[in-house]
Each structure stands twice: as structure tokens, then as C-alpha cells.
Amino acid sequence: MRIQINTDDNIEGIDSLTSRFEAEIAGGLSRFSDQITAVEVHLSDENAGKGGSDDKRCLLEARPTGSAPVAVRHQAATPDEALSGAVQKMQRKLQSELGRRNHAKGGPSIRDMDPL
């Protein structure tokens, strides 16, 4: 699973955060790692230098194999909190999306049963 982190010019100290963010993403999405080819992170400061609560936005996009990309967004007061919230949302989203793909509704088909 390839992880790419993108930021706007208003996020400071991203060099020190990158390895920590990559570890959090890899750990949080580890159970889906064999089904995801890439994860892209977009961190931005909505209010630029003005400050304010919940002005850091994290857009997290995962690319599952064989299907369309899945994206979630979370806003928080700090980049760390925004990323953590986005990772939690992505876990739920992937569980829902990939869980549907891997499980047939109602169980096995009668056609798959052994004849008597």
C-alpha cells in the first residue's frame, strides 16, 4: 500500500509529521492493506493564517483494487486530530464497501450445494 501525503502552504511542520502520519495510516488501515493499492492524504488549513476551531481539513482517499476510489473528509482543530478522524471514518467506509463485495447476501447459493 503506497501512502502519499499532500499539504497546502499553510500547514507547518509537515516534515516532522509525515512519518507519524504514515505510521497511523498504515496501522489504521492494515487489515485492508491487501485490498488497497494506494492511500492519498490532502491536509489543508481552511482559514489560512486566521486561526479558529476546526479549521484543519483532512481528505483521505483510498484506492481499492478492482473498484472506484473511496474518499472521506474530517475537520478538526489540529492536523493530527483531522487525520485521526479521517482514518476512523475510512475504516468504517472500507468495512462497508469491501464487506459488501466479499459477502453474498443470504449465504451460499443452492446451486453451489453438493447433489444428493
Protein backbone atom coordinates (compact mmCIF):
# COMPACT_ATOMS: atom_id res chain seq x y z
CA MET A 1 0.00 0.00 0.00
CA ARG A 2 1.52 3.27 -1.16
CA ILE A 3 0.87 6.34 1.03
CA GLN A 4 1.18 9.87 -0.35
CA ILE A 5 0.75 12.97 1.83
CA ASN A 6 -0.06 16.36 0.28
CA THR A 7 -0.43 19.65 2.15
CA ASP A 8 -1.18 23.24 1.33
CA ASP A 9 1.25 26.05 2.15
CA ASN A 10 -0.49 26.82 5.46
CA ILE A 11 0.30 23.53 7.25
CA GLU A 12 3.56 23.98 9.17
CA GLY A 13 5.99 21.30 10.28
CA ILE A 14 4.77 18.67 7.87
CA ASP A 15 8.25 17.16 7.56
CA SER A 16 8.19 16.10 11.20
CA LEU A 17 4.59 14.84 10.90
CA THR A 18 5.00 12.77 7.74
CA SER A 19 6.46 9.61 9.27
CA ARG A 20 3.98 9.70 12.15
CA PHE A 21 1.07 10.19 9.73
CA GLU A 22 2.26 7.33 7.50
CA ALA A 23 2.50 5.04 10.53
CA GLU A 24 -1.00 5.99 11.72
CA ILE A 25 -2.49 5.38 8.27
CA ALA A 26 -0.67 2.08 7.79
CA GLY A 27 -1.72 0.90 11.26
CA GLY A 28 -5.29 2.09 10.97
CA LEU A 29 -5.88 0.55 7.56
CA SER A 30 -3.65 -2.53 8.00
CA ARG A 31 -6.49 -5.04 7.79
CA PHE A 32 -7.36 -3.68 4.33
CA SER A 33 -3.74 -3.48 3.09
CA ASP A 34 -4.09 -6.45 0.74
CA GLN A 35 -7.18 -4.86 -0.86
CA ILE A 36 -5.84 -1.28 -1.21
CA THR A 37 -3.19 -0.18 -3.71
CA ALA A 38 -2.74 3.43 -2.54
CA VAL A 39 -3.86 5.99 0.02
CA GLU A 40 -3.64 9.71 -0.69
CA VAL A 41 -3.89 12.35 2.06
CA HIS A 42 -4.68 16.02 1.49
CA LEU A 43 -4.19 18.25 4.54
CA SER A 44 -5.23 21.88 4.40
CA ASP A 45 -5.90 24.86 6.64
CA GLU A 46 -9.32 26.24 5.71
CA ASN A 47 -8.80 29.65 7.35
CA ALA A 48 -5.14 30.02 6.31
CA GLY A 49 -3.36 32.09 8.98
CA LYS A 50 -6.50 33.38 10.71
CA GLY A 51 -6.91 30.54 13.19
CA GLY A 52 -10.14 29.23 14.60
CA SER A 53 -11.56 25.94 15.73
CA ASP A 54 -11.97 23.01 13.34
CA ASP A 55 -10.14 24.75 10.51
CA LYS A 56 -7.76 21.88 9.64
CA ARG A 57 -9.22 19.59 6.97
CA CYS A 58 -8.04 16.11 6.05
CA LEU A 59 -9.28 14.46 2.87
CA LEU A 60 -8.33 10.80 2.77
CA GLU A 61 -8.68 8.84 -0.48
CA ALA A 62 -8.14 5.08 -0.69
CA ARG A 63 -7.89 3.16 -3.95
CA PRO A 64 -9.19 -0.40 -3.54
CA THR A 65 -8.17 -2.93 -6.17
CA GLY A 66 -10.86 -3.50 -8.78
CA SER A 67 -13.19 -0.69 -7.76
CA ALA A 68 -13.57 3.09 -7.70
CA PRO A 69 -11.63 5.23 -5.19
CA VAL A 70 -13.23 5.87 -1.79
CA ALA A 71 -12.86 9.25 -0.05
CA VAL A 72 -13.70 10.66 3.38
CA ARG A 73 -13.18 14.07 4.95
CA HIS A 74 -12.74 15.23 8.54
CA GLN A 75 -12.22 18.68 10.07
CA ALA A 76 -10.61 19.32 13.45
CA ALA A 77 -8.53 21.85 15.39
CA THR A 78 -5.15 20.24 14.58
CA PRO A 79 -3.75 18.25 11.65
CA ASP A 80 -3.26 15.23 13.97
CA GLU A 81 -6.90 15.24 15.04
CA ALA A 82 -8.08 15.75 11.46
CA LEU A 83 -6.04 12.77 10.26
CA SER A 84 -7.17 10.54 13.14
CA GLY A 85 -10.81 11.34 12.46
CA ALA A 86 -10.39 10.71 8.74
CA VAL A 87 -8.68 7.35 9.37
CA GLN A 88 -11.56 6.27 11.63
CA LYS A 89 -14.11 7.29 9.00
CA MET A 90 -12.13 5.44 6.32
CA GLN A 91 -12.08 2.27 8.43
CA ARG A 92 -15.89 2.33 8.63
CA LYS A 93 -16.26 3.21 4.95
CA LEU A 94 -13.94 0.43 3.77
CA GLN A 95 -15.58 -2.10 6.07
CA SER A 96 -18.90 -1.22 4.49
CA GLU A 97 -17.66 -1.07 0.88
CA LEU A 98 -15.33 -4.07 0.90
CA GLY A 99 -17.54 -6.09 3.20
CA ARG A 100 -20.35 -5.92 0.67
CA ARG A 101 -18.05 -7.05 -2.10
CA ASN A 102 -16.81 -10.09 -0.17
CA HIS A 103 -20.09 -11.42 1.25
CA ALA A 104 -23.06 -12.70 -0.71
CA LYS A 105 -26.44 -11.70 0.65
CA GLY A 106 -28.20 -14.59 2.33
CA GLY A 107 -25.30 -17.03 2.32
CA PRO A 108 -24.34 -19.69 -0.23
CA SER A 109 -26.47 -20.40 -3.27
CA ILE A 110 -28.40 -23.62 -3.68
CA ARG A 111 -26.52 -24.08 -6.95
CA ASP A 112 -23.26 -24.41 -5.04
CA MET A 113 -24.50 -27.28 -2.85
CA ASP A 114 -23.47 -30.90 -3.47
CA PRO A 115 -26.15 -33.04 -5.20
CA LEU A 116 -27.64 -35.89 -3.18
